[in-house]
Amino acid sequence: MASERGNRKSLTGTVIRAQTAKTVVVEVRTMVQHPKYKKYVRTRRRLAAHDEQGKCGVGDRVQIIESRPISKTKRWRVARVVVKAKAAVQ
């Protein structure tokens, strides 16, 4: 069904906050070339994504896709968990 809706942007990032129900904050890191100096600069974006099943945890690598506005800040949905984070050792 997703193919019928056209091309949607897809990003991969790390979950940095998963405190609220059905919402995770994903940090997407990219390298961007500076327009004048041609040096690569690291950038990061923090995006709120909708996690319907609530299966994402802090440290997970996830793929998110753009969607219709779900709330004031949520414009992305979690498509899949790429890599689960290892459990913290105490």
C-alpha atoms as a PDB file:
ATOM      1  CA  MET A   1       0.000   0.000   0.000  1.00  0.00           C
ATOM      2  CA  ALA A   2       2.903   2.371   0.678  1.00  0.00           C
ATOM      3  CA  SER A   3       3.962   2.129  -2.972  1.00  0.00           C
ATOM      4  CA  GLU A   4       0.588   3.496  -4.068  1.00  0.00           C
ATOM      5  CA  ARG A   5       1.156   6.732  -2.166  1.00  0.00           C
ATOM      6  CA  GLY A   6       4.253   7.720  -4.126  1.00  0.00           C
ATOM      7  CA  ASN A   7       7.802   8.178  -2.970  1.00  0.00           C
ATOM      8  CA  ARG A   8       8.277   8.923   0.709  1.00  0.00           C
ATOM      9  CA  LYS A   9      11.479  10.074   2.343  1.00  0.00           C
ATOM     10  CA  SER A  10      13.204   7.463   4.451  1.00  0.00           C
ATOM     11  CA  LEU A  11      15.887   8.122   7.070  1.00  0.00           C
ATOM     12  CA  THR A  12      17.862   5.953   9.469  1.00  0.00           C
ATOM     13  CA  GLY A  13      18.727   7.121  12.960  1.00  0.00           C
ATOM     14  CA  THR A  14      19.161   6.230  16.610  1.00  0.00           C
ATOM     15  CA  VAL A  15      16.404   6.376  19.217  1.00  0.00           C
ATOM     16  CA  ILE A  16      17.504   8.803  21.917  1.00  0.00           C
ATOM     17  CA  ARG A  17      14.259   9.063  23.904  1.00  0.00           C
ATOM     18  CA  ALA A  18      11.369   6.638  24.296  1.00  0.00           C
ATOM     19  CA  GLN A  19       9.526   7.883  27.373  1.00  0.00           C
ATOM     20  CA  THR A  20       6.074   8.741  26.067  1.00  0.00           C
ATOM     21  CA  ALA A  21       3.530   6.265  24.748  1.00  0.00           C
ATOM     22  CA  LYS A  22       3.719   5.639  20.973  1.00  0.00           C
ATOM     23  CA  THR A  23       6.356   8.356  20.455  1.00  0.00           C
ATOM     24  CA  VAL A  24      10.120   8.102  20.083  1.00  0.00           C
ATOM     25  CA  VAL A  25      12.695  10.796  19.375  1.00  0.00           C
ATOM     26  CA  VAL A  26      15.134   9.742  16.667  1.00  0.00           C
ATOM     27  CA  GLU A  27      18.458  11.453  16.052  1.00  0.00           C
ATOM     28  CA  VAL A  28      19.532  11.393  12.398  1.00  0.00           C
ATOM     29  CA  ARG A  29      23.199  12.237  11.767  1.00  0.00           C
ATOM     30  CA  THR A  30      24.440  13.272   8.322  1.00  0.00           C
ATOM     31  CA  MET A  31      27.552  14.733   6.734  1.00  0.00           C
ATOM     32  CA  VAL A  32      26.991  17.921   4.708  1.00  0.00           C
ATOM     33  CA  GLN A  33      29.583  19.677   2.583  1.00  0.00           C
ATOM     34  CA  HIS A  34      30.066  23.358   3.410  1.00  0.00           C
ATOM     35  CA  PRO A  35      29.151  25.449   0.352  1.00  0.00           C
ATOM     36  CA  LYS A  36      32.159  27.787   0.518  1.00  0.00           C
ATOM     37  CA  TYR A  37      34.938  25.857   2.241  1.00  0.00           C
ATOM     38  CA  LYS A  38      34.044  22.400   0.846  1.00  0.00           C
ATOM     39  CA  LYS A  39      34.750  20.783   4.194  1.00  0.00           C
ATOM     40  CA  TYR A  40      32.335  18.155   5.480  1.00  0.00           C
ATOM     41  CA  VAL A  41      30.414  19.111   8.589  1.00  0.00           C
ATOM     42  CA  ARG A  42      28.463  16.736  10.817  1.00  0.00           C
ATOM     43  CA  THR A  43      24.834  17.687  11.365  1.00  0.00           C
ATOM     44  CA  ARG A  44      22.127  16.131  13.478  1.00  0.00           C
ATOM     45  CA  ARG A  45      18.364  16.364  13.431  1.00  0.00           C
ATOM     46  CA  ARG A  46      16.050  15.215  16.169  1.00  0.00           C
ATOM     47  CA  LEU A  47      12.723  14.029  14.821  1.00  0.00           C
ATOM     48  CA  ALA A  48       9.659  12.826  16.701  1.00  0.00           C
ATOM     49  CA  ALA A  49       8.371   9.575  15.201  1.00  0.00           C
ATOM     50  CA  HIS A  50       5.224   7.552  15.787  1.00  0.00           C
ATOM     51  CA  ASP A  51       5.847   4.053  17.188  1.00  0.00           C
ATOM     52  CA  GLU A  52       2.485   2.271  17.116  1.00  0.00           C
ATOM     53  CA  GLN A  53       3.581  -1.005  18.755  1.00  0.00           C
ATOM     54  CA  GLY A  54       5.912   0.655  21.264  1.00  0.00           C
ATOM     55  CA  LYS A  55       8.704  -1.809  20.502  1.00  0.00           C
ATOM     56  CA  CYS A  56      11.539   0.748  20.148  1.00  0.00           C
ATOM     57  CA  GLY A  57      13.945   1.392  22.984  1.00  0.00           C
ATOM     58  CA  VAL A  58      16.760   3.846  23.623  1.00  0.00           C
ATOM     59  CA  GLY A  59      19.792   3.023  21.500  1.00  0.00           C
ATOM     60  CA  ASP A  60      17.923   1.156  18.748  1.00  0.00           C
ATOM     61  CA  ARG A  61      18.767   1.929  15.103  1.00  0.00           C
ATOM     62  CA  VAL A  62      15.466   2.507  13.291  1.00  0.00           C
ATOM     63  CA  GLN A  63      14.287   3.410   9.836  1.00  0.00           C
ATOM     64  CA  ILE A  64      11.639   6.135   9.738  1.00  0.00           C
ATOM     65  CA  ILE A  65       9.450   7.261   6.857  1.00  0.00           C
ATOM     66  CA  GLU A  66       7.602  10.527   6.425  1.00  0.00           C
ATOM     67  CA  SER A  67       3.845  10.526   6.939  1.00  0.00           C
ATOM     68  CA  ARG A  68       0.914  12.846   7.345  1.00  0.00           C
ATOM     69  CA  PRO A  69       0.966  15.074  10.440  1.00  0.00           C
ATOM     70  CA  ILE A  70       0.085  12.904  13.443  1.00  0.00           C
ATOM     71  CA  SER A  71       0.461  15.616  16.091  1.00  0.00           C
ATOM     72  CA  LYS A  72       2.049  19.032  16.513  1.00  0.00           C
ATOM     73  CA  THR A  73       5.588  17.686  16.191  1.00  0.00           C
ATOM     74  CA  LYS A  74       5.202  14.173  14.712  1.00  0.00           C
ATOM     75  CA  ARG A  75       5.582  13.924  10.927  1.00  0.00           C
ATOM     76  CA  TRP A  76       7.436  10.579  10.807  1.00  0.00           C
ATOM     77  CA  ARG A  77       6.573   6.929  11.476  1.00  0.00           C
ATOM     78  CA  VAL A  78       8.860   4.090  12.514  1.00  0.00           C
ATOM     79  CA  ALA A  79       9.053   1.716   9.546  1.00  0.00           C
ATOM     80  CA  ARG A  80      11.255  -0.962  11.124  1.00  0.00           C
ATOM     81  CA  VAL A  81      13.885  -1.593  13.752  1.00  0.00           C
ATOM     82  CA  VAL A  82      17.210  -2.145  11.986  1.00  0.00           C
ATOM     83  CA  VAL A  83      19.305  -3.102  15.035  1.00  0.00           C
ATOM     84  CA  LYS A  84      18.119  -3.584  18.611  1.00  0.00           C
ATOM     85  CA  ALA A  85      20.276  -2.030  21.326  1.00  0.00           C
ATOM     86  CA  LYS A  86      22.098  -4.346  23.691  1.00  0.00           C
ATOM     87  CA  ALA A  87      20.725  -4.496  27.237  1.00  0.00           C
ATOM     88  CA  ALA A  88      22.581  -2.318  29.730  1.00  0.00           C
ATOM     89  CA  VAL A  89      24.904  -4.276  31.980  1.00  0.00           C
ATOM     90  CA  GLN A  90      24.783  -3.287  35.639  1.00  0.00           C
END
